[in-house]
C-alpha atoms as a PDB file:
ATOM      1  CA  UNK A   1      -0.016  -0.044   0.071  1.00  0.00           C
ATOM      2  CA  UNK A   2       1.475   3.304  -1.035  1.00  0.00           C
ATOM      3  CA  UNK A   3      -1.085   5.690   0.590  1.00  0.00           C
ATOM      4  CA  UNK A   4      -4.188   5.522   2.664  1.00  0.00           C
ATOM      5  CA  UNK A   5      -6.423   8.549   2.842  1.00  0.00           C
ATOM      6  CA  UNK A   6      -8.839   8.828   5.808  1.00  0.00           C
ATOM      7  CA  UNK A   7     -11.987  10.987   5.555  1.00  0.00           C
ATOM      8  CA  UNK A   8     -15.119  10.880   7.533  1.00  0.00           C
ATOM      9  CA  UNK A   9     -14.098   7.603   9.151  1.00  0.00           C
ATOM     10  CA  UNK A  10     -13.603   5.832   5.811  1.00  0.00           C
ATOM     11  CA  UNK A  11     -10.387   4.749   4.342  1.00  0.00           C
ATOM     12  CA  UNK A  12      -9.249   5.011   0.596  1.00  0.00           C
ATOM     13  CA  UNK A  13      -6.295   2.681  -0.123  1.00  0.00           C
ATOM     14  CA  UNK A  14      -4.205   3.746  -3.135  1.00  0.00           C
ATOM     15  CA  UNK A  15      -1.439   1.701  -4.791  1.00  0.00           C
ATOM     16  CA  UNK A  16       0.843   3.289  -7.471  1.00  0.00           C
ATOM     17  CA  UNK A  17       2.385   1.091 -10.278  1.00  0.00           C
ATOM     18  CA  UNK A  18       4.698   2.096 -13.053  1.00  0.00           C
ATOM     19  CA  UNK A  19       2.818  -0.093 -15.488  1.00  0.00           C
ATOM     20  CA  UNK A  20       0.847   0.831 -18.525  1.00  0.00           C
ATOM     21  CA  UNK A  21      -1.379  -2.168 -18.256  1.00  0.00           C
ATOM     22  CA  UNK A  22      -1.919  -3.236 -14.637  1.00  0.00           C
ATOM     23  CA  UNK A  23      -3.577  -6.579 -13.843  1.00  0.00           C
ATOM     24  CA  UNK A  24      -5.482  -8.058 -10.995  1.00  0.00           C
ATOM     25  CA  UNK A  25      -2.167  -9.372  -9.480  1.00  0.00           C
ATOM     26  CA  UNK A  26      -1.073  -5.762  -9.134  1.00  0.00           C
ATOM     27  CA  UNK A  27      -4.030  -5.156  -6.867  1.00  0.00           C
ATOM     28  CA  UNK A  28      -3.211  -7.877  -4.293  1.00  0.00           C
ATOM     29  CA  UNK A  29      -2.273  -5.464  -1.556  1.00  0.00           C
ATOM     30  CA  UNK A  30      -5.324  -3.358  -2.142  1.00  0.00           C
ATOM     31  CA  UNK A  31      -7.584  -6.382  -1.846  1.00  0.00           C
ATOM     32  CA  UNK A  32      -5.849  -7.500   1.231  1.00  0.00           C
ATOM     33  CA  UNK A  33      -6.265  -4.140   2.811  1.00  0.00           C
ATOM     34  CA  UNK A  34     -10.003  -4.128   2.076  1.00  0.00           C
ATOM     35  CA  UNK A  35     -10.447  -7.638   3.324  1.00  0.00           C
ATOM     36  CA  UNK A  36      -8.749  -6.558   6.663  1.00  0.00           C
ATOM     37  CA  UNK A  37     -10.598  -3.290   7.108  1.00  0.00           C
ATOM     38  CA  UNK A  38     -14.006  -4.367   5.793  1.00  0.00           C
ATOM     39  CA  UNK A  39     -16.716  -1.604   5.624  1.00  0.00           C
ATOM     40  CA  UNK A  40     -14.222   1.056   6.737  1.00  0.00           C
ATOM     41  CA  UNK A  41     -12.358   0.804   3.411  1.00  0.00           C
ATOM     42  CA  UNK A  42     -13.561   2.245   0.177  1.00  0.00           C
ATOM     43  CA  UNK A  43     -12.821   0.462  -3.120  1.00  0.00           C
ATOM     44  CA  UNK A  44      -9.117   0.555  -3.811  1.00  0.00           C
ATOM     45  CA  UNK A  45      -7.564   2.904  -6.369  1.00  0.00           C
ATOM     46  CA  UNK A  46      -4.632   1.600  -8.416  1.00  0.00           C
ATOM     47  CA  UNK A  47      -2.873   4.513 -10.255  1.00  0.00           C
ATOM     48  CA  UNK A  48      -0.762   3.570 -13.373  1.00  0.00           C
ATOM     49  CA  UNK A  49       0.974   5.219 -16.245  1.00  0.00           C
ATOM     50  CA  UNK A  50      -1.218   3.890 -19.000  1.00  0.00           C
ATOM     51  CA  UNK A  51      -4.452   5.340 -20.494  1.00  0.00           C
ATOM     52  CA  UNK A  52      -7.257   2.848 -19.514  1.00  0.00           C
ATOM     53  CA  UNK A  53      -9.712   3.581 -16.810  1.00  0.00           C
ATOM     54  CA  UNK A  54     -11.176   0.252 -15.728  1.00  0.00           C
ATOM     55  CA  UNK A  55     -12.403  -1.775 -12.822  1.00  0.00           C
ATOM     56  CA  UNK A  56      -9.991  -4.702 -12.304  1.00  0.00           C
ATOM     57  CA  UNK A  57     -12.430  -6.210  -9.631  1.00  0.00           C
ATOM     58  CA  UNK A  58     -15.577  -4.919  -8.011  1.00  0.00           C
ATOM     59  CA  UNK A  59     -13.350  -3.427  -5.319  1.00  0.00           C
ATOM     60  CA  UNK A  60     -10.395  -2.090  -7.336  1.00  0.00           C
ATOM     61  CA  UNK A  61     -10.424   0.771  -9.889  1.00  0.00           C
ATOM     62  CA  UNK A  62      -7.343   1.159 -12.057  1.00  0.00           C
ATOM     63  CA  UNK A  63      -6.919   4.649 -13.322  1.00  0.00           C
ATOM     64  CA  UNK A  64      -4.150   6.630 -15.145  1.00  0.00           C
ATOM     65  CA  UNK A  65      -2.405   8.923 -12.566  1.00  0.00           C
ATOM     66  CA  UNK A  66      -2.741  11.928 -14.732  1.00  0.00           C
ATOM     67  CA  UNK A  67      -6.636  11.615 -14.799  1.00  0.00           C
ATOM     68  CA  UNK A  68      -6.846  11.640 -11.046  1.00  0.00           C
ATOM     69  CA  UNK A  69      -4.319  14.403 -10.016  1.00  0.00           C
END
């Protein structure tokens, strides 16, 4: 996990990868974090260097870093 942002009692886990095409294996730590923190954790955000914005799993959104920042 690279970052966790806490707002209003909820946690947003963020992972950063230097990959243009992240896969579900890149989201393993995000999914573990969500399993541990349950309802406190929002769906994870995986930032990457590519162009695709897509859900890798129901609980992990992969997004280009430049579309978020």
